């Protein structure tokens, strides 16, 4: 068995959203086949026996701390997640010759530039530095096929690992009710690249034209209630919306499962094309039909539309509006067929148990 040290300054005590949840599930899978030591801010009881406190120091004091752990625990691999932790393992490798691995979820510099947190020159500099740092890594996990293509010069070191789902948390339970109206589900946040505004715009048009009645089942994390309500009022959708904020991950399924269709309306931009929609595996597992834009890994994953309804991202609001209209007119049998195909896809390809075997095979062979 490999002795693996995971290092991150994040708190994994109660992960509720994409990146912390992916990290936590990665660690659970690694823990099955390796001696895993987790150095972070905090973690829950399931992995507590593996826990090592993350140091508060800086500079060489922190390096010495990790060097002592590597020596004491006879660490074979140092593993980190995202570019924020990219430099430390390289330093540790230079001192100890330990193998190093990283899990990349997207292009952080593109996201920062999109949010106007950095300048164009800073984005270019960050990209060049990350490319340089990755050359030192022995194994690179990426969340999307396009991300592997982006770092093509390192493709022999890269393994694509999609996001996964725990079927016990999101069991198959096709929901149906009075088909005179639609319950439309959206789970995530309101950041522009997530596409919530495209959904609200499409629903606003459907309401204005009285195409069909609907309810919006909205589950958001990290949002302020007053700001979300102001947004809904601006689209004249407050009365049609059931709003759920910062729900514990274990309780999300009970809410989202009361939907007829689930929406992932991401626009085609650099932030989304090189990332994985973390809610997709959970949506698929529920057996509720999905409408998703053809962005990022979608076209790699689904060769046809049997698992979900794929729309083009070029005119997202209008394409989504039309897809919802078409979906409203599908029979219950047609909807159930799409949902069951989705569930089967998730069961065969996207459970964390299936994905974990790929993760561990890569690590063991390192």
Protein backbone atom coordinates (compact mmCIF):
# COMPACT_ATOMS: atom_id res chain seq x y z
CA UNK A 1 0.00 0.00 0.00
CA UNK A 2 1.09 3.55 -0.71
CA UNK A 3 1.51 6.09 2.07
CA UNK A 4 -0.17 9.24 0.79
CA UNK A 5 -0.18 12.70 2.37
CA UNK A 6 -2.93 15.10 1.32
CA UNK A 7 -2.23 18.77 2.04
CA UNK A 8 -4.67 21.67 1.84
CA UNK A 9 -5.63 24.71 3.86
CA UNK A 10 -9.36 24.04 3.38
CA UNK A 11 -11.88 22.95 5.99
CA UNK A 12 -13.46 19.60 5.09
CA UNK A 13 -15.58 19.28 8.23
CA UNK A 14 -18.92 19.70 6.45
CA UNK A 15 -18.39 20.18 2.70
CA UNK A 16 -21.47 21.63 0.99
CA UNK A 17 -20.40 22.66 -2.52
CA UNK A 18 -18.44 21.58 -5.58
CA UNK A 19 -14.71 21.81 -4.84
CA UNK A 20 -14.71 20.75 -1.14
CA UNK A 21 -17.12 17.90 -1.94
CA UNK A 22 -14.93 16.64 -4.77
CA UNK A 23 -11.85 16.75 -2.53
CA UNK A 24 -13.65 14.94 0.28
CA UNK A 25 -14.92 12.16 -1.99
CA UNK A 26 -11.47 11.80 -3.57
CA UNK A 27 -10.01 11.27 -0.12
CA UNK A 28 -12.65 8.71 0.82
CA UNK A 29 -11.76 6.65 -2.23
CA UNK A 30 -8.00 6.95 -1.73
CA UNK A 31 -8.43 5.87 1.87
CA UNK A 32 -9.80 2.50 0.70
CA UNK A 33 -6.56 1.34 -0.90
CA UNK A 34 -3.78 3.45 0.63
CA UNK A 35 -2.55 4.66 3.99
CA UNK A 36 -3.89 8.18 3.80
CA UNK A 37 -2.85 11.09 5.99
CA UNK A 38 -4.93 14.28 5.69
CA UNK A 39 -3.45 17.64 6.63
CA UNK A 40 -6.13 20.35 6.46
CA UNK A 41 -8.02 22.75 8.72
CA UNK A 42 -10.55 20.16 9.92
CA UNK A 43 -12.39 17.05 8.76
CA UNK A 44 -15.38 14.97 9.85
CA UNK A 45 -15.27 11.83 11.99
CA UNK A 46 -15.24 9.40 9.05
CA UNK A 47 -11.68 10.39 8.20
CA UNK A 48 -10.62 11.79 11.59
CA UNK A 49 -8.20 8.96 12.34
CA UNK A 50 -6.17 10.11 9.32
CA UNK A 51 -6.14 13.76 10.39
CA UNK A 52 -3.04 15.93 10.85
CA UNK A 53 -3.36 19.58 11.87
CA UNK A 54 -2.53 22.09 9.16
CA UNK A 55 0.32 24.36 10.41
CA UNK A 56 -0.16 28.07 10.98
CA UNK A 57 3.46 29.00 10.23
CA UNK A 58 4.94 30.33 7.01
CA UNK A 59 8.02 29.86 4.89
CA UNK A 60 10.65 27.35 5.91
CA UNK A 61 8.92 26.51 9.23
CA UNK A 62 6.00 25.09 7.29
CA UNK A 63 8.33 23.22 4.92
CA UNK A 64 10.18 21.66 7.88
CA UNK A 65 6.84 20.59 9.36
CA UNK A 66 5.90 18.67 6.22
CA UNK A 67 9.39 17.26 5.77
CA UNK A 68 9.15 15.76 9.25
CA UNK A 69 5.76 14.21 8.42
CA UNK A 70 7.12 12.72 5.19
CA UNK A 71 10.02 11.20 7.08
CA UNK A 72 7.96 9.97 10.07
CA UNK A 73 5.09 8.50 8.03
CA UNK A 74 7.34 7.27 5.18
CA UNK A 75 5.21 9.12 2.65
CA UNK A 76 5.33 7.91 -0.96
CA UNK A 77 3.05 10.52 -2.55
CA UNK A 78 2.10 14.07 -1.65
CA UNK A 79 -1.32 14.94 -3.09
CA UNK A 80 -2.96 18.37 -3.40
CA UNK A 81 -6.08 19.80 -5.02
CA UNK A 82 -6.37 22.94 -7.19
CA UNK A 83 -3.65 25.37 -8.24
CA UNK A 84 -3.74 27.19 -4.90
CA UNK A 85 -1.54 24.47 -3.37
CA UNK A 86 0.63 23.82 -6.40
CA UNK A 87 4.06 25.05 -5.16
CA UNK A 88 4.51 23.27 -1.82
CA UNK A 89 4.67 19.69 -3.19
CA UNK A 90 7.39 20.73 -5.64
CA UNK A 91 9.57 21.99 -2.79
CA UNK A 92 8.94 18.80 -0.82
CA UNK A 93 9.83 16.73 -3.88
CA UNK A 94 13.14 18.54 -4.27
CA UNK A 95 14.07 17.77 -0.66
CA UNK A 96 12.77 14.20 -0.42
CA UNK A 97 12.21 12.89 -3.98
CA UNK A 98 8.66 12.02 -2.98
CA UNK A 99 6.17 11.60 -5.84
CA UNK A 100 3.63 14.40 -6.21
CA UNK A 101 0.07 14.47 -7.59
CA UNK A 102 -2.55 17.18 -8.09
CA UNK A 103 -6.27 17.36 -8.92
CA UNK A 104 -7.24 20.27 -11.18
CA UNK A 105 -10.88 21.37 -11.41
CA UNK A 106 -10.58 24.07 -14.05
CA UNK A 107 -8.51 27.12 -15.03
CA UNK A 108 -8.32 29.26 -11.90
CA UNK A 109 -6.66 32.17 -13.72
CA UNK A 110 -9.51 32.29 -16.25
CA UNK A 111 -12.07 32.40 -13.44
CA UNK A 112 -10.19 35.18 -11.65
CA UNK A 113 -9.91 37.14 -14.88
CA UNK A 114 -13.60 36.59 -15.62
CA UNK A 115 -14.46 38.01 -12.19
CA UNK A 116 -12.07 40.92 -12.88
CA UNK A 117 -10.00 39.96 -9.85
CA UNK A 118 -6.78 40.03 -11.90
CA UNK A 119 -5.55 41.89 -14.97
CA UNK A 120 -4.96 40.33 -18.39
CA UNK A 121 -1.18 40.44 -17.80
CA UNK A 122 -1.58 38.76 -14.42
CA UNK A 123 -3.71 36.05 -16.07
CA UNK A 124 -1.00 35.34 -18.66
CA UNK A 125 1.71 35.28 -15.97
CA UNK A 126 -0.35 32.91 -13.79
CA UNK A 127 -0.98 30.59 -16.71
CA UNK A 128 2.72 30.40 -17.60
CA UNK A 129 3.70 29.73 -13.99
CA UNK A 130 1.11 26.97 -13.57
CA UNK A 131 2.30 25.31 -16.79
CA UNK A 132 5.85 25.47 -15.43
CA UNK A 133 4.90 24.06 -12.02
CA UNK A 134 2.92 21.19 -13.55
CA UNK A 135 6.06 19.95 -15.30
CA UNK A 136 7.34 18.80 -11.89
CA UNK A 137 4.26 16.68 -11.15
CA UNK A 138 4.24 12.92 -11.58
CA UNK A 139 0.43 12.58 -11.82
CA UNK A 140 -2.23 15.12 -12.77
CA UNK A 141 -5.94 14.47 -12.35
CA UNK A 142 -8.24 16.79 -14.32
CA UNK A 143 -12.02 17.13 -14.09
CA UNK A 144 -12.72 17.62 -17.82
CA UNK A 145 -11.55 16.35 -21.20
CA UNK A 146 -10.92 19.86 -22.49
CA UNK A 147 -8.60 20.47 -19.56
CA UNK A 148 -6.49 17.50 -20.62
CA UNK A 149 -6.32 18.95 -24.12
CA UNK A 150 -5.35 22.34 -22.69
CA UNK A 151 -2.29 20.77 -21.04
CA UNK A 152 -1.62 18.47 -23.98
CA UNK A 153 2.15 18.65 -23.52
CA UNK A 154 1.65 16.77 -20.23
CA UNK A 155 -1.04 14.34 -21.40
CA UNK A 156 0.99 11.21 -20.50
CA UNK A 157 0.78 12.29 -16.86
CA UNK A 158 -2.91 13.25 -17.00
CA UNK A 159 -5.97 11.19 -16.06
CA UNK A 160 -9.48 12.57 -16.58
CA UNK A 161 -11.62 12.09 -13.47
CA UNK A 162 -15.20 13.36 -13.77
CA UNK A 163 -17.22 14.37 -10.76
CA UNK A 164 -19.02 11.54 -8.99
CA UNK A 165 -22.11 10.76 -6.99
CA UNK A 166 -23.02 8.70 -3.94
CA UNK A 167 -26.18 6.87 -4.99
CA UNK A 168 -27.25 6.51 -1.36
CA UNK A 169 -27.47 10.32 -1.13
CA UNK A 170 -29.21 10.76 -4.50
CA UNK A 171 -31.28 7.59 -5.04
CA UNK A 172 -33.29 7.00 -8.19
CA UNK A 173 -36.82 8.24 -7.53
CA UNK A 174 -38.57 9.48 -10.66
CA UNK A 175 -41.01 12.16 -9.55
CA UNK A 176 -44.33 12.76 -11.24
CA UNK A 177 -47.37 14.86 -10.37
CA UNK A 178 -50.21 16.71 -12.06
CA UNK A 179 -48.74 17.28 -15.55
CA UNK A 180 -50.66 20.51 -16.10
CA UNK A 181 -47.59 22.44 -14.89
CA UNK A 182 -43.81 21.94 -14.56
CA UNK A 183 -41.62 22.00 -11.48
CA UNK A 184 -38.21 23.18 -12.71
CA UNK A 185 -35.16 22.55 -10.53
CA UNK A 186 -31.87 24.44 -10.32
CA UNK A 187 -29.11 23.76 -7.80
CA UNK A 188 -25.85 25.69 -7.39
CA UNK A 189 -25.17 29.42 -7.10
CA UNK A 190 -25.90 32.63 -8.97
CA UNK A 191 -22.43 33.35 -10.35
CA UNK A 192 -22.83 34.49 -13.97
CA UNK A 193 -20.96 31.54 -15.49
CA UNK A 194 -23.32 29.10 -13.77
CA UNK A 195 -26.13 30.40 -15.97
CA UNK A 196 -28.96 31.05 -13.51
CA UNK A 197 -29.83 34.31 -15.26
CA UNK A 198 -30.36 32.47 -18.56
CA UNK A 199 -32.86 30.22 -16.82
CA UNK A 200 -34.64 33.14 -15.18
CA UNK A 201 -34.75 34.98 -18.51
CA UNK A 202 -36.25 31.94 -20.26
CA UNK A 203 -38.86 31.50 -17.52
CA UNK A 204 -39.72 35.20 -17.61
CA UNK A 205 -40.56 34.89 -21.33
CA UNK A 206 -42.59 31.72 -20.74
CA UNK A 207 -44.56 33.48 -18.02
CA UNK A 208 -45.11 36.67 -20.05
CA UNK A 209 -46.40 34.67 -23.01
CA UNK A 210 -48.46 32.36 -20.76
CA UNK A 211 -47.00 29.29 -22.50
CA UNK A 212 -47.49 26.95 -19.53
CA UNK A 213 -47.64 27.24 -15.73
CA UNK A 214 -44.54 26.34 -13.70
CA UNK A 215 -42.83 26.45 -10.34
CA UNK A 216 -39.09 27.06 -9.87
CA UNK A 217 -37.39 24.82 -7.31
CA UNK A 218 -34.27 26.82 -6.41
CA UNK A 219 -31.44 25.49 -4.19
CA UNK A 220 -28.57 27.98 -3.80
CA UNK A 221 -25.42 28.05 -1.68
CA UNK A 222 -23.35 31.03 -0.61
CA UNK A 223 -26.02 33.59 -1.49
CA UNK A 224 -27.71 36.38 0.47
CA UNK A 225 -31.47 35.96 0.70
CA UNK A 226 -32.32 39.60 0.07
CA UNK A 227 -30.13 39.72 -3.07
CA UNK A 228 -31.66 36.54 -4.47
CA UNK A 229 -35.18 37.82 -3.83
CA UNK A 230 -34.34 41.12 -5.53
CA UNK A 231 -33.15 39.19 -8.57
CA UNK A 232 -36.32 37.10 -8.64
CA UNK A 233 -38.45 40.23 -8.34
CA UNK A 234 -36.58 41.81 -11.27
CA UNK A 235 -37.59 38.80 -13.41
CA UNK A 236 -41.12 38.79 -11.93
CA UNK A 237 -40.62 35.23 -10.69
CA UNK A 238 -40.72 35.56 -6.91
CA UNK A 239 -44.21 34.09 -6.54
CA UNK A 240 -43.31 31.09 -8.73
CA UNK A 241 -40.14 30.26 -6.77
CA UNK A 242 -39.46 27.96 -3.83
CA UNK A 243 -36.18 29.32 -2.46
CA UNK A 244 -33.79 27.14 -0.42
CA UNK A 245 -30.47 28.62 0.76
CA UNK A 246 -27.34 26.91 2.15
CA UNK A 247 -28.98 23.53 2.59
CA UNK A 248 -26.83 20.74 4.07
CA UNK A 249 -25.69 18.43 1.29
CA UNK A 250 -27.37 15.46 2.97
CA UNK A 251 -30.74 17.25 2.72
CA UNK A 252 -30.48 18.52 -0.85
CA UNK A 253 -31.92 15.42 -2.51
CA UNK A 254 -35.21 15.62 -0.62
CA UNK A 255 -35.72 19.11 -2.06
CA UNK A 256 -34.42 18.72 -5.60
CA UNK A 257 -36.20 15.40 -6.09
CA UNK A 258 -39.53 17.21 -6.18
CA UNK A 259 -38.78 18.49 -9.69
CA UNK A 260 -39.93 17.41 -13.14
CA UNK A 261 -36.81 18.63 -14.91
CA UNK A 262 -33.38 19.84 -13.76
CA UNK A 263 -31.40 22.58 -15.51
CA UNK A 264 -27.65 23.14 -16.05
CA UNK A 265 -27.58 26.24 -18.30
CA UNK A 266 -23.86 27.09 -18.49
CA UNK A 267 -22.66 29.54 -21.17
CA UNK A 268 -19.70 28.63 -23.39
CA UNK A 269 -16.76 30.60 -21.93
CA UNK A 270 -13.27 29.61 -20.81
CA UNK A 271 -14.36 29.16 -17.20
CA UNK A 272 -16.99 26.55 -18.11
CA UNK A 273 -15.40 24.85 -21.12
CA UNK A 274 -12.48 23.63 -18.99
CA UNK A 275 -14.51 22.63 -15.93
CA UNK A 276 -16.98 19.94 -14.91
CA UNK A 277 -20.53 20.77 -13.75
CA UNK A 278 -20.37 19.21 -10.29
CA UNK A 279 -24.17 18.85 -9.99
CA UNK A 280 -24.45 16.75 -13.15
CA UNK A 281 -23.72 13.31 -11.60
CA UNK A 282 -26.19 13.98 -8.80
CA UNK A 283 -28.85 15.14 -11.25
CA UNK A 284 -28.33 12.03 -13.40
CA UNK A 285 -28.64 9.71 -10.40
CA UNK A 286 -32.08 11.02 -9.44
CA UNK A 287 -33.63 9.85 -12.70
CA UNK A 288 -35.13 13.30 -13.24
CA UNK A 289 -34.65 14.46 -16.86
CA UNK A 290 -31.96 17.09 -17.38
CA UNK A 291 -31.67 20.00 -19.79
CA UNK A 292 -27.99 20.92 -20.17
CA UNK A 293 -26.00 23.19 -22.47
CA UNK A 294 -23.34 21.62 -24.72
CA UNK A 295 -20.42 23.02 -22.74
CA UNK A 296 -17.24 21.42 -21.35
CA UNK A 297 -17.36 17.63 -21.07
CA UNK A 298 -21.00 17.25 -22.16
CA UNK A 299 -20.27 16.27 -25.77
CA UNK A 300 -17.52 13.88 -24.63
CA UNK A 301 -19.81 12.17 -22.14
CA UNK A 302 -23.04 11.87 -24.12
CA UNK A 303 -22.89 10.65 -27.70
CA UNK A 304 -26.64 11.08 -28.10
CA UNK A 305 -29.54 12.68 -26.25
CA UNK A 306 -30.85 9.51 -24.61
CA UNK A 307 -29.52 10.50 -21.15
CA UNK A 308 -30.44 14.17 -21.16
CA UNK A 309 -31.65 17.00 -23.38
CA UNK A 310 -28.63 18.86 -24.77
CA UNK A 311 -29.06 22.40 -26.06
CA UNK A 312 -26.64 24.66 -27.91
CA UNK A 313 -25.00 27.43 -25.90
CA UNK A 314 -24.99 30.04 -28.68
CA UNK A 315 -28.38 31.59 -27.82
CA UNK A 316 -28.81 30.05 -24.41
CA UNK A 317 -31.86 31.88 -23.11
CA UNK A 318 -34.00 31.24 -26.19
CA UNK A 319 -32.68 27.69 -26.65
CA UNK A 320 -33.53 26.94 -23.04
CA UNK A 321 -37.00 28.45 -23.42
CA UNK A 322 -37.71 26.25 -26.43
CA UNK A 323 -36.30 23.15 -24.71
CA UNK A 324 -38.61 23.73 -21.74
CA UNK A 325 -41.60 24.16 -24.05
CA UNK A 326 -40.72 20.94 -25.89
CA UNK A 327 -40.21 19.13 -22.58
CA UNK A 328 -43.60 20.27 -21.28
CA UNK A 329 -45.24 18.49 -24.21
CA UNK A 330 -43.39 15.19 -23.67
CA UNK A 331 -45.45 12.34 -22.30
CA UNK A 332 -44.74 10.89 -18.86
CA UNK A 333 -43.37 7.75 -20.55
CA UNK A 334 -40.93 9.81 -22.65
CA UNK A 335 -39.77 11.77 -19.61
CA UNK A 336 -39.31 8.62 -17.58
CA UNK A 337 -37.26 7.01 -20.36
CA UNK A 338 -34.82 9.94 -20.42
CA UNK A 339 -34.55 9.87 -16.63
CA UNK A 340 -33.95 6.13 -16.42
CA UNK A 341 -31.22 6.31 -19.06
CA UNK A 342 -29.62 9.07 -17.02
CA UNK A 343 -29.72 6.97 -13.86
CA UNK A 344 -28.15 3.99 -15.65
CA UNK A 345 -25.37 6.20 -17.00
CA UNK A 346 -24.57 7.50 -13.52
CA UNK A 347 -24.72 4.01 -12.00
CA UNK A 348 -22.34 2.58 -14.61
CA UNK A 349 -19.92 5.48 -14.93
CA UNK A 350 -20.18 8.16 -12.26
CA UNK A 351 -20.49 6.60 -8.82
CA UNK A 352 -17.57 7.43 -6.58
CA UNK A 353 -16.90 3.70 -6.25
CA UNK A 354 -16.40 3.38 -10.02
CA UNK A 355 -14.35 6.58 -10.21
CA UNK A 356 -12.37 5.60 -7.12
CA UNK A 357 -11.00 2.52 -8.86
CA UNK A 358 -9.52 4.76 -11.57
CA UNK A 359 -8.07 7.16 -9.00
CA UNK A 360 -6.46 4.38 -6.99
CA UNK A 361 -5.12 2.56 -10.04
CA UNK A 362 -3.28 5.73 -11.08
CA UNK A 363 -1.88 6.30 -7.60
CA UNK A 364 -0.81 2.70 -7.04
CA UNK A 365 0.97 2.64 -10.40
CA UNK A 366 2.84 5.83 -9.62
